[in-house]
């Protein structure tokens, strides 16, 4: 007698009931993609569910931190109402402190985007993939009037906040609730940013990043990886550098590296 196939809908529904995931709003597409992947990899449904839970923990990355979004919106609105660039930057920096990735980048911001855009050119349209709180760095980017900024994230609560933040900062474009590994962006642009996410994405499923990079309709793709572990105790620069170059080995795209104290950028000329 053959076994009943796993009830994928029931598994997805069970995982989606997690209180933390409900609070931030995680796309069902993300959960389903991970469940189907693990069902194909694991010997049975029980093992697949256990593995899917671990993958979701890494994908959702609640351990990286989030601000109180209502308080953050009020803080940013008050700062923007002053019209003072220094006050606006201070508010953005204070909010970015809540998330590990953007907090680590704060000391670099005065030189980060000038050095980056010296390679790519100042973009008219930016795609910020798996963006976290990085759109709050717009005041340091020096984007031209009329620039479009598209920010993609799979936390619905964060996306709601970022749409309000983009409006307050006077940026065109939108924040979009989308799992880019399931549905790549449809928007085209000059520069796509994918900062400090590749190593986490590849934990979700090895080989998942390259199809995304292939699908992007941009002139430049900018990837980055940390140079040290989250605790700062372990050097990871060479291991992650090898991973990035391994992913890109099958493509003819030139790569220009820019190194900062705690982050290594890879500027990839996809369609110069």
Protein backbone atom coordinates (compact mmCIF):
# COMPACT_ATOMS: atom_id res chain seq x y z
CA UNK A 1 0.00 0.00 0.00
CA UNK A 2 1.52 3.31 -1.08
CA UNK A 3 2.06 6.19 1.33
CA UNK A 4 -0.15 9.24 1.17
CA UNK A 5 1.75 12.20 -0.30
CA UNK A 6 2.44 15.03 2.17
CA UNK A 7 -0.30 17.63 2.46
CA UNK A 8 1.71 20.66 1.39
CA UNK A 9 -1.12 23.11 2.09
CA UNK A 10 -1.47 21.82 5.66
CA UNK A 11 2.28 22.08 6.28
CA UNK A 12 2.41 25.63 4.89
CA UNK A 13 -0.60 26.62 7.02
CA UNK A 14 0.99 25.13 10.14
CA UNK A 15 4.25 27.03 9.65
CA UNK A 16 2.41 30.25 8.78
CA UNK A 17 0.57 30.13 12.13
CA UNK A 18 3.83 30.95 13.94
CA UNK A 19 3.09 34.08 15.99
CA UNK A 20 6.34 35.83 15.01
CA UNK A 21 5.77 35.26 11.30
CA UNK A 22 2.17 36.48 11.54
CA UNK A 23 3.31 39.65 13.32
CA UNK A 24 5.68 40.72 10.56
CA UNK A 25 3.71 39.22 7.66
CA UNK A 26 5.69 36.62 5.72
CA UNK A 27 4.57 35.76 2.20
CA UNK A 28 2.97 32.34 1.85
CA UNK A 29 4.99 31.97 -1.38
CA UNK A 30 8.17 31.99 0.71
CA UNK A 31 6.94 29.33 3.10
CA UNK A 32 5.64 27.15 0.26
CA UNK A 33 8.89 27.44 -1.70
CA UNK A 34 10.92 26.32 1.31
CA UNK A 35 8.53 23.48 2.17
CA UNK A 36 8.57 22.12 -1.40
CA UNK A 37 12.34 22.35 -1.52
CA UNK A 38 12.76 20.48 1.75
CA UNK A 39 10.19 17.82 0.85
CA UNK A 40 12.30 17.10 -2.24
CA UNK A 41 15.51 16.91 -0.20
CA UNK A 42 14.52 15.12 3.00
CA UNK A 43 13.71 11.42 3.48
CA UNK A 44 10.24 12.01 4.93
CA UNK A 45 7.70 14.72 5.71
CA UNK A 46 8.65 15.00 9.38
CA UNK A 47 12.31 15.67 8.54
CA UNK A 48 11.23 18.11 5.82
CA UNK A 49 9.09 20.13 8.24
CA UNK A 50 11.91 20.29 10.79
CA UNK A 51 14.36 21.42 8.12
CA UNK A 52 11.85 23.95 6.73
CA UNK A 53 11.49 25.49 10.20
CA UNK A 54 15.26 26.01 10.38
CA UNK A 55 15.39 27.48 6.89
CA UNK A 56 12.54 29.87 7.69
CA UNK A 57 14.37 31.05 10.80
CA UNK A 58 17.35 31.94 8.61
CA UNK A 59 15.26 33.50 5.83
CA UNK A 60 13.10 35.62 8.12
CA UNK A 61 16.18 36.62 10.15
CA UNK A 62 14.34 38.13 13.09
CA UNK A 63 17.64 37.88 14.98
CA UNK A 64 19.00 40.75 12.84
CA UNK A 65 16.62 43.18 14.55
CA UNK A 66 13.74 45.52 13.72
CA UNK A 67 12.69 48.88 15.13
CA UNK A 68 9.31 49.72 16.57
CA UNK A 69 7.90 50.72 13.19
CA UNK A 70 5.17 53.03 14.52
CA UNK A 71 7.70 54.94 16.61
CA UNK A 72 10.20 54.95 13.72
CA UNK A 73 7.63 56.42 11.35
CA UNK A 74 6.77 59.18 13.80
CA UNK A 75 10.46 59.92 14.39
CA UNK A 76 11.17 60.14 10.67
CA UNK A 77 8.08 62.25 9.99
CA UNK A 78 9.11 64.75 12.68
CA UNK A 79 12.65 64.94 11.26
CA UNK A 80 11.47 65.40 7.67
CA UNK A 81 9.05 68.13 8.75
CA UNK A 82 12.07 70.25 9.79
CA UNK A 83 13.50 70.14 6.26
CA UNK A 84 16.98 70.06 7.82
CA UNK A 85 19.24 67.48 6.10
CA UNK A 86 21.33 66.88 9.24
CA UNK A 87 18.22 66.22 11.33
CA UNK A 88 16.84 63.85 8.69
CA UNK A 89 20.12 61.95 8.50
CA UNK A 90 20.27 61.66 12.27
CA UNK A 91 16.75 60.19 12.38
CA UNK A 92 17.52 57.72 9.59
CA UNK A 93 20.73 56.64 11.34
CA UNK A 94 18.93 56.16 14.65
CA UNK A 95 16.34 53.89 12.99
CA UNK A 96 19.00 51.92 11.07
CA UNK A 97 20.70 51.17 14.40
CA UNK A 98 17.94 48.62 15.04
CA UNK A 99 19.08 46.23 12.28
CA UNK A 100 22.48 44.49 12.36
CA UNK A 101 23.29 44.95 8.70
CA UNK A 102 22.57 48.66 8.45
CA UNK A 103 24.04 49.36 11.90
CA UNK A 104 27.36 47.87 10.75
CA UNK A 105 27.30 50.10 7.66
CA UNK A 106 26.61 53.36 9.50
CA UNK A 107 30.30 54.31 10.02
CA UNK A 108 30.88 53.80 6.28
CA UNK A 109 28.01 55.84 4.86
CA UNK A 110 29.91 59.07 4.13
CA UNK A 111 32.18 57.19 1.72
CA UNK A 112 30.15 54.05 0.89
CA UNK A 113 27.93 55.36 -1.90
CA UNK A 114 30.40 57.89 -3.35
CA UNK A 115 32.93 55.07 -3.83
CA UNK A 116 30.28 52.71 -5.17
CA UNK A 117 28.76 55.17 -7.63
CA UNK A 118 32.24 56.23 -8.80
CA UNK A 119 32.32 52.74 -10.35
CA UNK A 120 28.69 52.31 -11.50
CA UNK A 121 27.77 55.92 -12.16
CA UNK A 122 25.06 57.62 -10.12
CA UNK A 123 21.90 55.64 -10.89
CA UNK A 124 18.58 57.03 -12.01
CA UNK A 125 16.82 53.82 -10.94
CA UNK A 126 17.89 51.61 -8.02
CA UNK A 127 16.61 48.14 -7.20
CA UNK A 128 17.35 47.37 -3.53
CA UNK A 129 16.89 43.61 -3.15
CA UNK A 130 16.15 41.99 0.23
CA UNK A 131 16.56 45.57 1.38
CA UNK A 132 16.07 45.44 5.15
CA UNK A 133 16.35 49.04 6.35
CA UNK A 134 18.86 50.09 3.71
CA UNK A 135 16.46 52.52 1.92
CA UNK A 136 16.96 54.82 4.91
CA UNK A 137 20.48 55.40 3.55
CA UNK A 138 18.98 57.40 0.65
CA UNK A 139 20.02 60.75 2.25
CA UNK A 140 23.67 59.65 1.79
CA UNK A 141 23.28 58.43 -1.81
CA UNK A 142 23.15 61.72 -3.70
CA UNK A 143 20.58 60.41 -6.18
CA UNK A 144 19.43 62.84 -8.90
CA UNK A 145 16.05 64.55 -8.88
CA UNK A 146 13.42 62.22 -10.28
CA UNK A 147 15.34 59.06 -9.35
CA UNK A 148 13.32 55.91 -8.77
CA UNK A 149 14.02 53.60 -5.83
CA UNK A 150 12.45 50.14 -5.69
CA UNK A 151 12.97 48.25 -2.42
CA UNK A 152 11.99 44.57 -2.09
CA UNK A 153 11.50 42.73 1.16
CA UNK A 154 9.50 39.75 2.40
CA UNK A 155 8.45 41.37 5.72
CA UNK A 156 5.07 43.01 5.09
CA UNK A 157 5.32 45.22 8.17
CA UNK A 158 8.72 46.49 7.10
CA UNK A 159 7.50 47.15 3.55
CA UNK A 160 4.59 49.20 4.88
CA UNK A 161 7.00 51.34 6.89
CA UNK A 162 9.42 51.72 3.98
CA UNK A 163 6.68 52.97 1.65
CA UNK A 164 5.93 55.72 4.13
CA UNK A 165 9.67 56.41 4.57
CA UNK A 166 10.25 56.71 0.81
CA UNK A 167 7.41 59.23 0.59
CA UNK A 168 8.78 61.24 3.53
CA UNK A 169 12.26 61.26 1.99
CA UNK A 170 10.86 62.45 -1.33
CA UNK A 171 12.03 59.38 -3.22
CA UNK A 172 10.16 58.08 -6.24
CA UNK A 173 9.49 54.38 -6.60
CA UNK A 174 8.05 52.03 -3.99
CA UNK A 175 8.73 49.34 -1.43
CA UNK A 176 7.41 46.02 -2.69
CA UNK A 177 6.33 42.97 -0.65
CA UNK A 178 7.96 40.23 -2.71
CA UNK A 179 10.15 37.18 -2.28
CA UNK A 180 12.64 37.93 -5.05
CA UNK A 181 13.90 34.33 -5.05
CA UNK A 182 10.43 33.09 -5.96
CA UNK A 183 9.44 36.01 -8.21
CA UNK A 184 12.36 38.13 -9.47
CA UNK A 185 11.76 41.87 -9.87
CA UNK A 186 9.96 42.95 -13.02
CA UNK A 187 11.32 46.50 -12.80
CA UNK A 188 14.46 47.38 -14.76
CA UNK A 189 17.09 49.82 -13.57
CA UNK A 190 20.68 51.02 -13.49
CA UNK A 191 21.95 49.44 -10.27
CA UNK A 192 20.64 46.48 -8.26
CA UNK A 193 21.87 46.25 -4.65
CA UNK A 194 22.01 42.88 -2.89
CA UNK A 195 23.95 43.65 0.26
CA UNK A 196 25.15 41.03 2.74
CA UNK A 197 22.49 38.52 1.74
CA UNK A 198 24.09 36.02 -0.64
CA UNK A 199 25.53 33.74 2.06
CA UNK A 200 22.14 33.58 3.79
CA UNK A 201 20.26 33.00 0.54
CA UNK A 202 22.53 30.12 -0.43
CA UNK A 203 21.74 28.47 2.92
CA UNK A 204 18.10 28.46 1.86
CA UNK A 205 18.98 26.47 -1.24
CA UNK A 206 22.36 26.11 -2.87
CA UNK A 207 22.40 27.64 -6.34
CA UNK A 208 19.38 29.87 -5.69
CA UNK A 209 21.17 33.21 -6.26
CA UNK A 210 22.40 32.88 -9.84
CA UNK A 211 18.93 32.54 -11.45
CA UNK A 212 17.97 35.77 -9.66
CA UNK A 213 21.05 37.57 -10.99
CA UNK A 214 20.32 36.27 -14.50
CA UNK A 215 16.76 37.62 -14.31
CA UNK A 216 17.72 41.16 -13.27
CA UNK A 217 17.36 43.77 -16.01
CA UNK A 218 20.04 46.19 -14.81
CA UNK A 219 23.37 47.55 -15.97
CA UNK A 220 25.15 46.87 -12.68
CA UNK A 221 24.61 44.36 -9.90
CA UNK A 222 26.27 45.22 -6.59
CA UNK A 223 26.70 42.31 -4.20
CA UNK A 224 28.42 42.45 -0.85
CA UNK A 225 29.54 40.15 1.90
CA UNK A 226 30.74 40.77 5.45
CA UNK A 227 34.43 40.49 6.26
CA UNK A 228 33.83 39.18 9.79
CA UNK A 229 31.17 37.06 11.49
CA UNK A 230 28.28 38.71 13.35
CA UNK A 231 30.16 38.37 16.64
CA UNK A 232 33.29 39.85 15.07
CA UNK A 233 35.35 36.93 16.32
CA UNK A 234 35.89 35.15 13.02
CA UNK A 235 37.30 36.37 9.70
CA UNK A 236 34.96 35.34 6.86
CA UNK A 237 36.11 37.59 4.02
CA UNK A 238 37.94 34.98 1.97
CA UNK A 239 35.34 32.25 2.45
CA UNK A 240 32.51 34.53 1.30
CA UNK A 241 34.65 36.02 -1.47
CA UNK A 242 35.28 32.52 -2.80
CA UNK A 243 31.54 31.81 -2.61
CA UNK A 244 30.64 34.94 -4.63
CA UNK A 245 33.26 34.33 -7.30
CA UNK A 246 32.17 30.68 -7.48
CA UNK A 247 28.56 31.70 -8.12
CA UNK A 248 29.65 34.10 -10.88
CA UNK A 249 32.27 31.84 -12.48
CA UNK A 250 29.93 30.70 -15.27
CA UNK A 251 29.10 34.26 -16.33
CA UNK A 252 31.30 36.61 -18.40
CA UNK A 253 30.50 39.65 -16.28
CA UNK A 254 33.49 41.80 -15.19
CA UNK A 255 33.77 42.31 -11.43
CA UNK A 256 35.27 45.29 -9.62
CA UNK A 257 35.80 44.90 -5.88
CA UNK A 258 35.59 47.70 -3.33
CA UNK A 259 36.73 46.86 0.18
CA UNK A 260 35.62 48.58 3.37
CA UNK A 261 36.62 47.76 6.94
CA UNK A 262 33.71 45.36 7.50
CA UNK A 263 32.16 44.81 4.05
CA UNK A 264 33.43 43.74 0.63
CA UNK A 265 31.52 44.95 -2.44
CA UNK A 266 31.45 43.24 -5.83
CA UNK A 267 30.39 45.61 -8.63
CA UNK A 268 29.31 43.40 -11.52
CA UNK A 269 29.00 44.96 -14.96
CA UNK A 270 26.09 42.95 -16.32
CA UNK A 271 25.25 45.28 -19.23
CA UNK A 272 27.70 48.20 -19.24
